[in-house]
Full PDB file with SEQRES, HELIX, SHEET, SSBOND, CRYST1, ORIGX, SCALE, CONECT and MASTER records, all heavy atoms in Angstrom:
SEQRES   1 A   42  THR PRO PRO VAL PHE ALA GLN ALA GLY ASN VAL PRO PHE          
SEQRES   2 A   42  VAL TYR ALA ALA SER ASP ALA PRO ALA PRO GLY ALA GLU          
SEQRES   3 A   42  ALA ILE VAL VAL LYS LYS ASP SER PRO ILE ARG THR VAL          
SEQRES   4 A   42  ALA ALA LEU                                                  
HELIX    1 AA1 PRO A    2  ALA A    8  1                                   7    
HELIX    2 AA2 PRO A   23  ALA A   25  5                                   3    
HELIX    3 AA3 VAL A   39  ALA A   41  5                                   3    
CRYST1    1.000    1.000    1.000  90.00  90.00  90.00 P 1           1          
ORIGX1      1.000000  0.000000  0.000000        0.00000                         
ORIGX2      0.000000  1.000000  0.000000        0.00000                         
ORIGX3      0.000000  0.000000  1.000000        0.00000                         
SCALE1      1.000000  0.000000  0.000000        0.00000                         
SCALE2      0.000000  1.000000  0.000000        0.00000                         
SCALE3      0.000000  0.000000  1.000000        0.00000                         
ATOM      1  N   THR A   1     -73.350  58.890 -24.673  1.00  0.00           N  
ATOM      2  CA  THR A   1     -72.139  59.601 -24.404  1.00  0.00           C  
ATOM      3  C   THR A   1     -72.211  60.583 -23.198  1.00  0.00           C  
ATOM      4  O   THR A   1     -71.289  60.662 -22.430  1.00  0.00           O  
ATOM      5  CB  THR A   1     -71.668  60.355 -25.684  1.00  0.00           C  
ATOM      6  OG1 THR A   1     -71.439  59.384 -26.715  1.00  0.00           O  
ATOM      7  CG2 THR A   1     -70.377  61.093 -25.441  1.00  0.00           C  
ATOM      8  N   PRO A   2     -73.314  61.346 -23.041  1.00  0.00           N  
ATOM      9  CA  PRO A   2     -73.363  62.279 -21.899  1.00  0.00           C  
ATOM     10  C   PRO A   2     -73.072  61.646 -20.542  1.00  0.00           C  
ATOM     11  O   PRO A   2     -72.396  62.248 -19.714  1.00  0.00           O  
ATOM     12  CB  PRO A   2     -74.787  62.856 -21.986  1.00  0.00           C  
ATOM     13  CG  PRO A   2     -75.061  62.844 -23.468  1.00  0.00           C  
ATOM     14  CD  PRO A   2     -74.464  61.578 -23.963  1.00  0.00           C  
ATOM     15  N   PRO A   3     -73.535  60.398 -20.263  1.00  0.00           N  
ATOM     16  CA  PRO A   3     -73.178  59.828 -18.960  1.00  0.00           C  
ATOM     17  C   PRO A   3     -71.670  59.610 -18.777  1.00  0.00           C  
ATOM     18  O   PRO A   3     -71.192  59.637 -17.626  1.00  0.00           O  
ATOM     19  CB  PRO A   3     -73.956  58.487 -18.953  1.00  0.00           C  
ATOM     20  CG  PRO A   3     -75.033  58.659 -19.921  1.00  0.00           C  
ATOM     21  CD  PRO A   3     -74.502  59.543 -21.000  1.00  0.00           C  
ATOM     22  N   VAL A   4     -70.967  59.347 -19.852  1.00  0.00           N  
ATOM     23  CA  VAL A   4     -69.518  59.167 -19.755  1.00  0.00           C  
ATOM     24  C   VAL A   4     -68.860  60.476 -19.310  1.00  0.00           C  
ATOM     25  O   VAL A   4     -68.030  60.492 -18.390  1.00  0.00           O  
ATOM     26  CB  VAL A   4     -68.946  58.690 -21.104  1.00  0.00           C  
ATOM     27  CG1 VAL A   4     -67.419  58.724 -21.083  1.00  0.00           C  
ATOM     28  CG2 VAL A   4     -69.447  57.253 -21.422  1.00  0.00           C  
ATOM     29  N   PHE A   5     -69.232  61.576 -19.951  1.00  0.00           N  
ATOM     30  CA  PHE A   5     -68.738  62.898 -19.496  1.00  0.00           C  
ATOM     31  C   PHE A   5     -69.137  63.189 -18.064  1.00  0.00           C  
ATOM     32  O   PHE A   5     -68.362  63.705 -17.284  1.00  0.00           O  
ATOM     33  CB  PHE A   5     -69.274  63.976 -20.435  1.00  0.00           C  
ATOM     34  CG  PHE A   5     -68.558  64.104 -21.748  1.00  0.00           C  
ATOM     35  CD1 PHE A   5     -68.767  63.192 -22.754  1.00  0.00           C  
ATOM     36  CD2 PHE A   5     -67.643  65.092 -21.937  1.00  0.00           C  
ATOM     37  CE1 PHE A   5     -68.077  63.309 -23.963  1.00  0.00           C  
ATOM     38  CE2 PHE A   5     -66.926  65.240 -23.141  1.00  0.00           C  
ATOM     39  CZ  PHE A   5     -67.159  64.333 -24.161  1.00  0.00           C  
ATOM     40  N   ALA A   6     -70.354  62.836 -17.733  1.00  0.00           N  
ATOM     41  CA  ALA A   6     -70.887  63.161 -16.360  1.00  0.00           C  
ATOM     42  C   ALA A   6     -70.120  62.354 -15.339  1.00  0.00           C  
ATOM     43  O   ALA A   6     -69.745  62.900 -14.280  1.00  0.00           O  
ATOM     44  CB  ALA A   6     -72.360  62.835 -16.314  1.00  0.00           C  
ATOM     45  N   GLN A   7     -69.889  61.084 -15.605  1.00  0.00           N  
ATOM     46  CA  GLN A   7     -69.161  60.298 -14.626  1.00  0.00           C  
ATOM     47  C   GLN A   7     -67.735  60.815 -14.481  1.00  0.00           C  
ATOM     48  O   GLN A   7     -67.173  60.826 -13.345  1.00  0.00           O  
ATOM     49  CB  GLN A   7     -69.157  58.812 -15.022  1.00  0.00           C  
ATOM     50  CG  GLN A   7     -68.648  57.883 -13.932  1.00  0.00           C  
ATOM     51  CD  GLN A   7     -68.758  56.432 -14.317  1.00  0.00           C  
ATOM     52  OE1 GLN A   7     -69.336  56.047 -15.349  1.00  0.00           O  
ATOM     53  NE2 GLN A   7     -68.236  55.530 -13.459  1.00  0.00           N  
ATOM     54  N   ALA A   8     -67.118  61.187 -15.551  1.00  0.00           N  
ATOM     55  CA  ALA A   8     -65.734  61.760 -15.483  1.00  0.00           C  
ATOM     56  C   ALA A   8     -65.756  63.055 -14.686  1.00  0.00           C  
ATOM     57  O   ALA A   8     -64.733  63.417 -14.101  1.00  0.00           O  
ATOM     58  CB  ALA A   8     -65.226  62.016 -16.892  1.00  0.00           C  
ATOM     59  N   GLY A   9     -66.884  63.736 -14.657  1.00  0.00           N  
ATOM     60  CA  GLY A   9     -67.018  64.957 -13.870  1.00  0.00           C  
ATOM     61  C   GLY A   9     -67.606  64.771 -12.505  1.00  0.00           C  
ATOM     62  O   GLY A   9     -67.982  65.724 -11.853  1.00  0.00           O  
ATOM     63  N   ASN A  10     -67.679  63.495 -12.065  1.00  0.00           N  
ATOM     64  CA  ASN A  10     -68.142  63.146 -10.716  1.00  0.00           C  
ATOM     65  C   ASN A  10     -69.614  63.546 -10.428  1.00  0.00           C  
ATOM     66  O   ASN A  10     -69.975  63.884  -9.308  1.00  0.00           O  
ATOM     67  CB  ASN A  10     -67.255  63.776  -9.667  1.00  0.00           C  
ATOM     68  CG  ASN A  10     -65.815  63.306  -9.733  1.00  0.00           C  
ATOM     69  OD1 ASN A  10     -65.560  62.089  -9.761  1.00  0.00           O  
ATOM     70  ND2 ASN A  10     -64.864  64.226  -9.804  1.00  0.00           N  
ATOM     71  N   VAL A  11     -70.442  63.491 -11.451  1.00  0.00           N  
ATOM     72  CA  VAL A  11     -71.898  63.697 -11.243  1.00  0.00           C  
ATOM     73  C   VAL A  11     -72.431  62.442 -10.558  1.00  0.00           C  
ATOM     74  O   VAL A  11     -72.209  61.334 -11.012  1.00  0.00           O  
ATOM     75  CB  VAL A  11     -72.623  63.914 -12.583  1.00  0.00           C  
ATOM     76  CG1 VAL A  11     -74.098  64.001 -12.378  1.00  0.00           C  
ATOM     77  CG2 VAL A  11     -72.098  65.197 -13.264  1.00  0.00           C  
ATOM     78  N   PRO A  12     -73.177  62.580  -9.466  1.00  0.00           N  
ATOM     79  CA  PRO A  12     -73.696  61.417  -8.710  1.00  0.00           C  
ATOM     80  C   PRO A  12     -74.967  60.833  -9.323  1.00  0.00           C  
ATOM     81  O   PRO A  12     -76.062  61.095  -8.868  1.00  0.00           O  
ATOM     82  CB  PRO A  12     -73.958  61.999  -7.335  1.00  0.00           C  
ATOM     83  CG  PRO A  12     -74.363  63.410  -7.587  1.00  0.00           C  
ATOM     84  CD  PRO A  12     -73.533  63.860  -8.795  1.00  0.00           C  
ATOM     85  N   PHE A  13     -74.814  60.034 -10.328  1.00  0.00           N  
ATOM     86  CA  PHE A  13     -75.964  59.408 -11.000  1.00  0.00           C  
ATOM     87  C   PHE A  13     -75.722  57.932 -11.123  1.00  0.00           C  
ATOM     88  O   PHE A  13     -74.585  57.424 -10.954  1.00  0.00           O  
ATOM     89  CB  PHE A  13     -76.158  60.002 -12.409  1.00  0.00           C  
ATOM     90  CG  PHE A  13     -75.211  59.463 -13.426  1.00  0.00           C  
ATOM     91  CD1 PHE A  13     -75.561  58.396 -14.251  1.00  0.00           C  
ATOM     92  CD2 PHE A  13     -73.903  59.981 -13.541  1.00  0.00           C  
ATOM     93  CE1 PHE A  13     -74.664  57.836 -15.162  1.00  0.00           C  
ATOM     94  CE2 PHE A  13     -73.034  59.448 -14.472  1.00  0.00           C  
ATOM     95  CZ  PHE A  13     -73.393  58.382 -15.283  1.00  0.00           C  
ATOM     96  N   VAL A  14     -76.799  57.183 -11.443  1.00  0.00           N  
ATOM     97  CA  VAL A  14     -76.661  55.780 -11.770  1.00  0.00           C  
ATOM     98  C   VAL A  14     -77.473  55.487 -13.020  1.00  0.00           C  
ATOM     99  O   VAL A  14     -78.478  56.146 -13.317  1.00  0.00           O  
ATOM    100  CB  VAL A  14     -77.194  54.858 -10.595  1.00  0.00           C  
ATOM    101  CG1 VAL A  14     -76.284  54.972  -9.398  1.00  0.00           C  
ATOM    102  CG2 VAL A  14     -78.648  55.162 -10.252  1.00  0.00           C  
ATOM    103  N   TYR A  15     -77.030  54.494 -13.762  1.00  0.00           N  
ATOM    104  CA  TYR A  15     -77.767  54.006 -14.911  1.00  0.00           C  
ATOM    105  C   TYR A  15     -78.959  53.171 -14.418  1.00  0.00           C  
ATOM    106  O   TYR A  15     -78.768  52.294 -13.544  1.00  0.00           O  
ATOM    107  CB  TYR A  15     -76.925  53.092 -15.790  1.00  0.00           C  
ATOM    108  CG  TYR A  15     -75.810  53.795 -16.536  1.00  0.00           C  
ATOM    109  CD1 TYR A  15     -74.518  53.901 -16.010  1.00  0.00           C  
ATOM    110  CD2 TYR A  15     -75.982  54.265 -17.848  1.00  0.00           C  
ATOM    111  CE1 TYR A  15     -73.485  54.509 -16.722  1.00  0.00           C  
ATOM    112  CE2 TYR A  15     -74.952  54.850 -18.539  1.00  0.00           C  
ATOM    113  CZ  TYR A  15     -73.715  54.969 -17.991  1.00  0.00           C  
ATOM    114  OH  TYR A  15     -72.689  55.571 -18.695  1.00  0.00           O  
ATOM    115  N   ALA A  16     -80.125  53.421 -14.945  1.00  0.00           N  
ATOM    116  CA  ALA A  16     -81.317  52.694 -14.489  1.00  0.00           C  
ATOM    117  C   ALA A  16     -81.817  51.693 -15.552  1.00  0.00           C  
ATOM    118  O   ALA A  16     -82.216  50.577 -15.258  1.00  0.00           O  
ATOM    119  CB  ALA A  16     -82.437  53.628 -14.154  1.00  0.00           C  
ATOM    120  N   ALA A  17     -81.819  52.108 -16.819  1.00  0.00           N  
ATOM    121  CA  ALA A  17     -82.343  51.279 -17.872  1.00  0.00           C  
ATOM    122  C   ALA A  17     -81.849  51.835 -19.220  1.00  0.00           C  
ATOM    123  O   ALA A  17     -81.277  52.916 -19.263  1.00  0.00           O  
ATOM    124  CB  ALA A  17     -83.883  51.240 -17.840  1.00  0.00           C  
ATOM    125  N   SER A  18     -82.143  51.075 -20.282  1.00  0.00           N  
ATOM    126  CA  SER A  18     -81.684  51.491 -21.597  1.00  0.00           C  
ATOM    127  C   SER A  18     -82.782  51.299 -22.612  1.00  0.00           C  
ATOM    128  O   SER A  18     -83.643  50.378 -22.474  1.00  0.00           O  
ATOM    129  CB  SER A  18     -80.482  50.651 -22.005  1.00  0.00           C  
ATOM    130  OG  SER A  18     -80.209  50.776 -23.390  1.00  0.00           O  
ATOM    131  N   ASP A  19     -82.799  52.108 -23.642  1.00  0.00           N  
ATOM    132  CA  ASP A  19     -83.636  51.852 -24.815  1.00  0.00           C  
ATOM    133  C   ASP A  19     -82.865  50.848 -25.702  1.00  0.00           C  
ATOM    134  O   ASP A  19     -81.695  50.607 -25.515  1.00  0.00           O  
ATOM    135  CB  ASP A  19     -83.869  53.119 -25.614  1.00  0.00           C  
ATOM    136  CG  ASP A  19     -84.883  54.052 -24.960  1.00  0.00           C  
ATOM    137  OD1 ASP A  19     -85.605  53.561 -24.052  1.00  0.00           O  
ATOM    138  OD2 ASP A  19     -84.937  55.222 -25.354  1.00  0.00           O  
ATOM    139  N   ALA A  20     -83.572  50.324 -26.710  1.00  0.00           N  
ATOM    140  CA  ALA A  20     -82.912  49.440 -27.702  1.00  0.00           C  
ATOM    141  C   ALA A  20     -81.954  50.279 -28.545  1.00  0.00           C  
ATOM    142  O   ALA A  20     -82.145  51.480 -28.724  1.00  0.00           O  
ATOM    143  CB  ALA A  20     -83.951  48.754 -28.557  1.00  0.00           C  
ATOM    144  N   PRO A  21     -80.951  49.688 -29.110  1.00  0.00           N  
ATOM    145  CA  PRO A  21     -80.003  50.397 -29.983  1.00  0.00           C  
ATOM    146  C   PRO A  21     -80.745  50.967 -31.209  1.00  0.00           C  
ATOM    147  O   PRO A  21     -81.744  50.401 -31.674  1.00  0.00           O  
ATOM    148  CB  PRO A  21     -79.018  49.316 -30.437  1.00  0.00           C  
ATOM    149  CG  PRO A  21     -79.121  48.247 -29.412  1.00  0.00           C  
ATOM    150  CD  PRO A  21     -80.548  48.246 -28.983  1.00  0.00           C  
ATOM    151  N   ALA A  22     -80.259  52.117 -31.700  1.00  0.00           N  
ATOM    152  CA  ALA A  22     -80.835  52.749 -32.900  1.00  0.00           C  
ATOM    153  C   ALA A  22     -79.696  53.340 -33.741  1.00  0.00           C  
ATOM    154  O   ALA A  22     -79.605  54.567 -33.887  1.00  0.00           O  
ATOM    155  CB  ALA A  22     -81.841  53.791 -32.534  1.00  0.00           C  
ATOM    156  N   PRO A  23     -78.823  52.509 -34.285  1.00  0.00           N  
ATOM    157  CA  PRO A  23     -77.650  53.013 -34.993  1.00  0.00           C  
ATOM    158  C   PRO A  23     -77.997  53.827 -36.242  1.00  0.00           C  
ATOM    159  O   PRO A  23     -77.190  54.689 -36.656  1.00  0.00           O  
ATOM    160  CB  PRO A  23     -76.861  51.772 -35.343  1.00  0.00           C  
ATOM    161  CG  PRO A  23     -77.843  50.642 -35.310  1.00  0.00           C  
ATOM    162  CD  PRO A  23     -78.811  51.015 -34.250  1.00  0.00           C  
ATOM    163  N   GLY A  24     -79.143  53.595 -36.794  1.00  0.00           N  
ATOM    164  CA  GLY A  24     -79.545  54.333 -38.000  1.00  0.00           C  
ATOM    165  C   GLY A  24     -80.142  55.719 -37.723  1.00  0.00           C  
ATOM    166  O   GLY A  24     -80.473  56.452 -38.628  1.00  0.00           O  
ATOM    167  N   ALA A  25     -80.277  56.031 -36.417  1.00  0.00           N  
ATOM    168  CA  ALA A  25     -80.910  57.293 -36.016  1.00  0.00           C  
ATOM    169  C   ALA A  25     -79.911  58.402 -35.783  1.00  0.00           C  
ATOM    170  O   ALA A  25     -80.263  59.449 -35.289  1.00  0.00           O  
ATOM    171  CB  ALA A  25     -81.717  57.064 -34.787  1.00  0.00           C  
ATOM    172  N   GLU A  26     -78.664  58.248 -36.193  1.00  0.00           N  
ATOM    173  CA  GLU A  26     -77.668  59.312 -36.206  1.00  0.00           C  
ATOM    174  C   GLU A  26     -76.769  59.104 -37.360  1.00  0.00           C  
ATOM    175  O   GLU A  26     -76.532  57.967 -37.837  1.00  0.00           O  
ATOM    176  CB  GLU A  26     -76.904  59.354 -34.877  1.00  0.00           C  
ATOM    177  CG  GLU A  26     -76.084  58.132 -34.560  1.00  0.00           C  
ATOM    178  CD  GLU A  26     -75.326  58.272 -33.286  1.00  0.00           C  
ATOM    179  OE1 GLU A  26     -75.472  59.272 -32.560  1.00  0.00           O  
ATOM    180  OE2 GLU A  26     -74.475  57.363 -32.978  1.00  0.00           O  
ATOM    181  N   ALA A  27     -76.186  60.175 -37.905  1.00  0.00           N  
ATOM    182  CA  ALA A  27     -75.401  60.085 -39.111  1.00  0.00           C  
ATOM    183  C   ALA A  27     -74.588  61.297 -39.358  1.00  0.00           C  
ATOM    184  O   ALA A  27     -74.816  62.372 -38.808  1.00  0.00           O  
ATOM    185  CB  ALA A  27     -76.312  59.807 -40.326  1.00  0.00           C  
ATOM    186  N   ILE A  28     -73.576  61.122 -40.236  1.00  0.00           N  
ATOM    187  CA  ILE A  28     -72.824  62.237 -40.796  1.00  0.00           C  
ATOM    188  C   ILE A  28     -73.531  62.579 -42.107  1.00  0.00           C  
ATOM    189  O   ILE A  28     -73.746  61.712 -42.999  1.00  0.00           O  
ATOM    190  CB  ILE A  28     -71.363  61.836 -41.098  1.00  0.00           C  
ATOM    191  CG1 ILE A  28     -70.697  61.349 -39.844  1.00  0.00           C  
ATOM    192  CG2 ILE A  28     -70.595  63.028 -41.686  1.00  0.00           C  
ATOM    193  CD1 ILE A  28     -69.317  60.703 -40.103  1.00  0.00           C  
ATOM    194  N   VAL A  29     -73.901  63.845 -42.284  1.00  0.00           N  
ATOM    195  CA  VAL A  29     -74.594  64.250 -43.511  1.00  0.00           C  
ATOM    196  C   VAL A  29     -73.790  65.325 -44.222  1.00  0.00           C  
ATOM    197  O   VAL A  29     -73.028  66.105 -43.592  1.00  0.00           O  
ATOM    198  CB  VAL A  29     -76.011  64.751 -43.220  1.00  0.00           C  
ATOM    199  CG1 VAL A  29     -76.875  63.644 -42.630  1.00  0.00           C  
ATOM    200  CG2 VAL A  29     -76.025  65.977 -42.323  1.00  0.00           C  
ATOM    201  N   VAL A  30     -73.959  65.352 -45.529  1.00  0.00           N  
ATOM    202  CA  VAL A  30     -73.393  66.408 -46.357  1.00  0.00           C  
ATOM    203  C   VAL A  30     -74.502  66.952 -47.266  1.00  0.00           C  
ATOM    204  O   VAL A  30     -75.570  66.339 -47.367  1.00  0.00           O  
ATOM    205  CB  VAL A  30     -72.182  65.889 -47.216  1.00  0.00           C  
ATOM    206  CG1 VAL A  30     -71.053  65.466 -46.316  1.00  0.00           C  
ATOM    207  CG2 VAL A  30     -72.642  64.730 -48.110  1.00  0.00           C  
ATOM    208  N   LYS A  31     -74.242  68.042 -47.936  1.00  0.00           N  
ATOM    209  CA  LYS A  31     -75.233  68.522 -48.870  1.00  0.00           C  
ATOM    210  C   LYS A  31     -75.401  67.563 -50.049  1.00  0.00           C  
ATOM    211  O   LYS A  31     -74.443  66.828 -50.396  1.00  0.00           O  
ATOM    212  CB  LYS A  31     -74.864  69.918 -49.363  1.00  0.00           C  
ATOM    213  CG  LYS A  31     -75.048  71.000 -48.334  1.00  0.00           C  
ATOM    214  CD  LYS A  31     -74.966  72.399 -48.956  1.00  0.00           C  
ATOM    215  CE  LYS A  31     -75.480  73.435 -47.985  1.00  0.00           C  
ATOM    216  NZ  LYS A  31     -75.488  74.817 -48.618  1.00  0.00           N  
ATOM    217  N   LYS A  32     -76.536  67.595 -50.655  1.00  0.00           N  
ATOM    218  CA  LYS A  32     -76.851  66.646 -51.722  1.00  0.00           C  
ATOM    219  C   LYS A  32     -75.844  66.726 -52.866  1.00  0.00           C  
ATOM    220  O   LYS A  32     -75.432  65.701 -53.448  1.00  0.00           O  
ATOM    221  CB  LYS A  32     -78.253  66.938 -52.289  1.00  0.00           C  
ATOM    222  CG  LYS A  32     -78.753  65.934 -53.328  1.00  0.00           C  
ATOM    223  CD  LYS A  32     -80.186  66.262 -53.736  1.00  0.00           C  
ATOM    224  CE  LYS A  32     -80.672  65.272 -54.749  1.00  0.00           C  
ATOM    225  NZ  LYS A  32     -82.103  65.531 -55.129  1.00  0.00           N  
ATOM    226  N   ASP A  33     -75.355  67.945 -53.170  1.00  0.00           N  
ATOM    227  CA  ASP A  33     -74.435  68.114 -54.296  1.00  0.00           C  
ATOM    228  C   ASP A  33     -73.004  68.166 -53.846  1.00  0.00           C  
ATOM    229  O   ASP A  33     -72.116  68.542 -54.620  1.00  0.00           O  
ATOM    230  CB  ASP A  33     -74.804  69.347 -55.115  1.00  0.00           C  
ATOM    231  CG  ASP A  33     -74.790  70.607 -54.226  1.00  0.00           C  
ATOM    232  OD1 ASP A  33     -74.586  70.495 -52.995  1.00  0.00           O  
ATOM    233  OD2 ASP A  33     -74.986  71.713 -54.783  1.00  0.00           O  
ATOM    234  N   SER A  34     -72.709  67.802 -52.622  1.00  0.00           N  
ATOM    235  CA  SER A  34     -71.345  67.866 -52.092  1.00  0.00           C  
ATOM    236  C   SER A  34     -70.439  66.865 -52.829  1.00  0.00           C  
ATOM    237  O   SER A  34     -70.876  65.755 -53.123  1.00  0.00           O  
ATOM    238  CB  SER A  34     -71.338  67.534 -50.612  1.00  0.00           C  
ATOM    239  OG  SER A  34     -70.016  67.382 -50.127  1.00  0.00           O  
ATOM    240  N   PRO A  35     -69.207  67.226 -53.122  1.00  0.00           N  
ATOM    241  CA  PRO A  35     -68.298  66.309 -53.738  1.00  0.00           C  
ATOM    242  C   PRO A  35     -67.757  65.230 -52.791  1.00  0.00           C  
ATOM    243  O   PRO A  35     -67.155  64.262 -53.196  1.00  0.00           O  
ATOM    244  CB  PRO A  35     -67.110  67.228 -54.213  1.00  0.00           C  
ATOM    245  CG  PRO A  35     -67.153  68.367 -53.272  1.00  0.00           C  
ATOM    246  CD  PRO A  35     -68.614  68.598 -52.949  1.00  0.00           C  
ATOM    247  N   ILE A  36     -68.085  65.373 -51.503  1.00  0.00           N  
ATOM    248  CA  ILE A  36     -67.644  64.419 -50.482  1.00  0.00           C  
ATOM    249  C   ILE A  36     -68.519  63.167 -50.596  1.00  0.00           C  
ATOM    250  O   ILE A  36     -69.726  63.212 -50.399  1.00  0.00           O  
ATOM    251  CB  ILE A  36     -67.739  65.010 -49.087  1.00  0.00           C  
ATOM    252  CG1 ILE A  36     -66.842  66.243 -48.932  1.00  0.00           C  
ATOM    253  CG2 ILE A  36     -67.367  63.959 -48.023  1.00  0.00           C  
ATOM    254  CD1 ILE A  36     -67.022  67.022 -47.651  1.00  0.00           C  
ATOM    255  N   ARG A  37     -67.869  62.069 -50.947  1.00  0.00           N  
ATOM    256  CA  ARG A  37     -68.585  60.838 -51.141  1.00  0.00           C  
ATOM    257  C   ARG A  37     -68.210  59.695 -50.182  1.00  0.00           C  
ATOM    258  O   ARG A  37     -68.912  58.688 -50.076  1.00  0.00           O  
ATOM    259  CB  ARG A  37     -68.387  60.302 -52.573  1.00  0.00           C  
ATOM    260  CG  ARG A  37     -68.938  61.211 -53.643  1.00  0.00           C  
ATOM    261  CD  ARG A  37     -70.432  61.106 -53.708  1.00  0.00           C  
ATOM    262  NE  ARG A  37     -71.046  62.117 -54.577  1.00  0.00           N  
ATOM    263  CZ  ARG A  37     -72.351  62.215 -54.791  1.00  0.00           C  
ATOM    264  NH1 ARG A  37     -73.170  61.352 -54.216  1.00  0.00           N  
ATOM    265  NH2 ARG A  37     -72.817  63.160 -55.567  1.00  0.00           N  
ATOM    266  N   THR A  38     -67.125  59.881 -49.487  1.00  0.00           N  
ATOM    267  CA  THR A  38     -66.660  58.889 -48.530  1.00  0.00           C  
ATOM    268  C   THR A  38     -66.218  59.575 -47.219  1.00  0.00           C  
ATOM    269  O   THR A  38     -65.912  60.802 -47.223  1.00  0.00           O  
ATOM    270  CB  THR A  38     -65.478  58.099 -49.039  1.00  0.00           C  
ATOM    271  OG1 THR A  38     -64.365  58.961 -49.202  1.00  0.00           O  
ATOM    272  CG2 THR A  38     -65.819  57.434 -50.376  1.00  0.00           C  
ATOM    273  N   VAL A  39     -66.134  58.855 -46.145  1.00  0.00           N  
ATOM    274  CA  VAL A  39     -65.676  59.402 -44.877  1.00  0.00           C  
ATOM    275  C   VAL A  39     -64.222  59.848 -45.021  1.00  0.00           C  
ATOM    276  O   VAL A  39     -63.822  60.894 -44.469  1.00  0.00           O  
ATOM    277  CB  VAL A  39     -65.808  58.388 -43.733  1.00  0.00           C  
ATOM    278  CG1 VAL A  39     -65.184  58.914 -42.452  1.00  0.00           C  
ATOM    279  CG2 VAL A  39     -67.300  58.060 -43.485  1.00  0.00           C  
ATOM    280  N   ALA A  40     -63.427  59.102 -45.776  1.00  0.00           N  
ATOM    281  CA  ALA A  40     -62.026  59.488 -46.006  1.00  0.00           C  
ATOM    282  C   ALA A  40     -61.893  60.846 -46.631  1.00  0.00           C  
ATOM    283  O   ALA A  40     -60.911  61.606 -46.390  1.00  0.00           O  
ATOM    284  CB  ALA A  40     -61.343  58.423 -46.894  1.00  0.00           C  
ATOM    285  N   ALA A  41     -62.905  61.280 -47.405  1.00  0.00           N  
ATOM    286  CA  ALA A  41     -62.863  62.568 -48.058  1.00  0.00           C  
ATOM    287  C   ALA A  41     -63.129  63.722 -47.112  1.00  0.00           C  
ATOM    288  O   ALA A  41     -63.054  64.903 -47.509  1.00  0.00           O  
ATOM    289  CB  ALA A  41     -63.888  62.594 -49.209  1.00  0.00           C  
ATOM    290  N   LEU A  42     -63.418  63.413 -45.863  1.00  0.00           N  
ATOM    291  CA  LEU A  42     -63.588  64.460 -44.859  1.00  0.00           C  
ATOM    292  C   LEU A  42     -62.270  65.050 -44.403  1.00  0.00           C  
ATOM    293  O   LEU A  42     -62.225  66.051 -43.694  1.00  0.00           O  
ATOM    294  CB  LEU A  42     -64.320  63.932 -43.646  1.00  0.00           C  
ATOM    295  CG  LEU A  42     -65.816  63.579 -43.823  1.00  0.00           C  
ATOM    296  CD1 LEU A  42     -66.349  62.940 -42.529  1.00  0.00           C  
ATOM    297  CD2 LEU A  42     -66.637  64.809 -44.168  1.00  0.00           C  
TER     298      LEU A  42                                                      
MASTER        0    0    0    3    0    0    0    6  297    1    0    4          
END                                                                             
């Protein structure tokens, strides 16, 4: 996401390479005892 903001702000950069996807390495978290059980409950 940061490169998208940077390009919109005219930062003079180029993409050089990418790591492999890691979709499990970011998440929405709540406390263990939170009553929120679904995204809709947000």
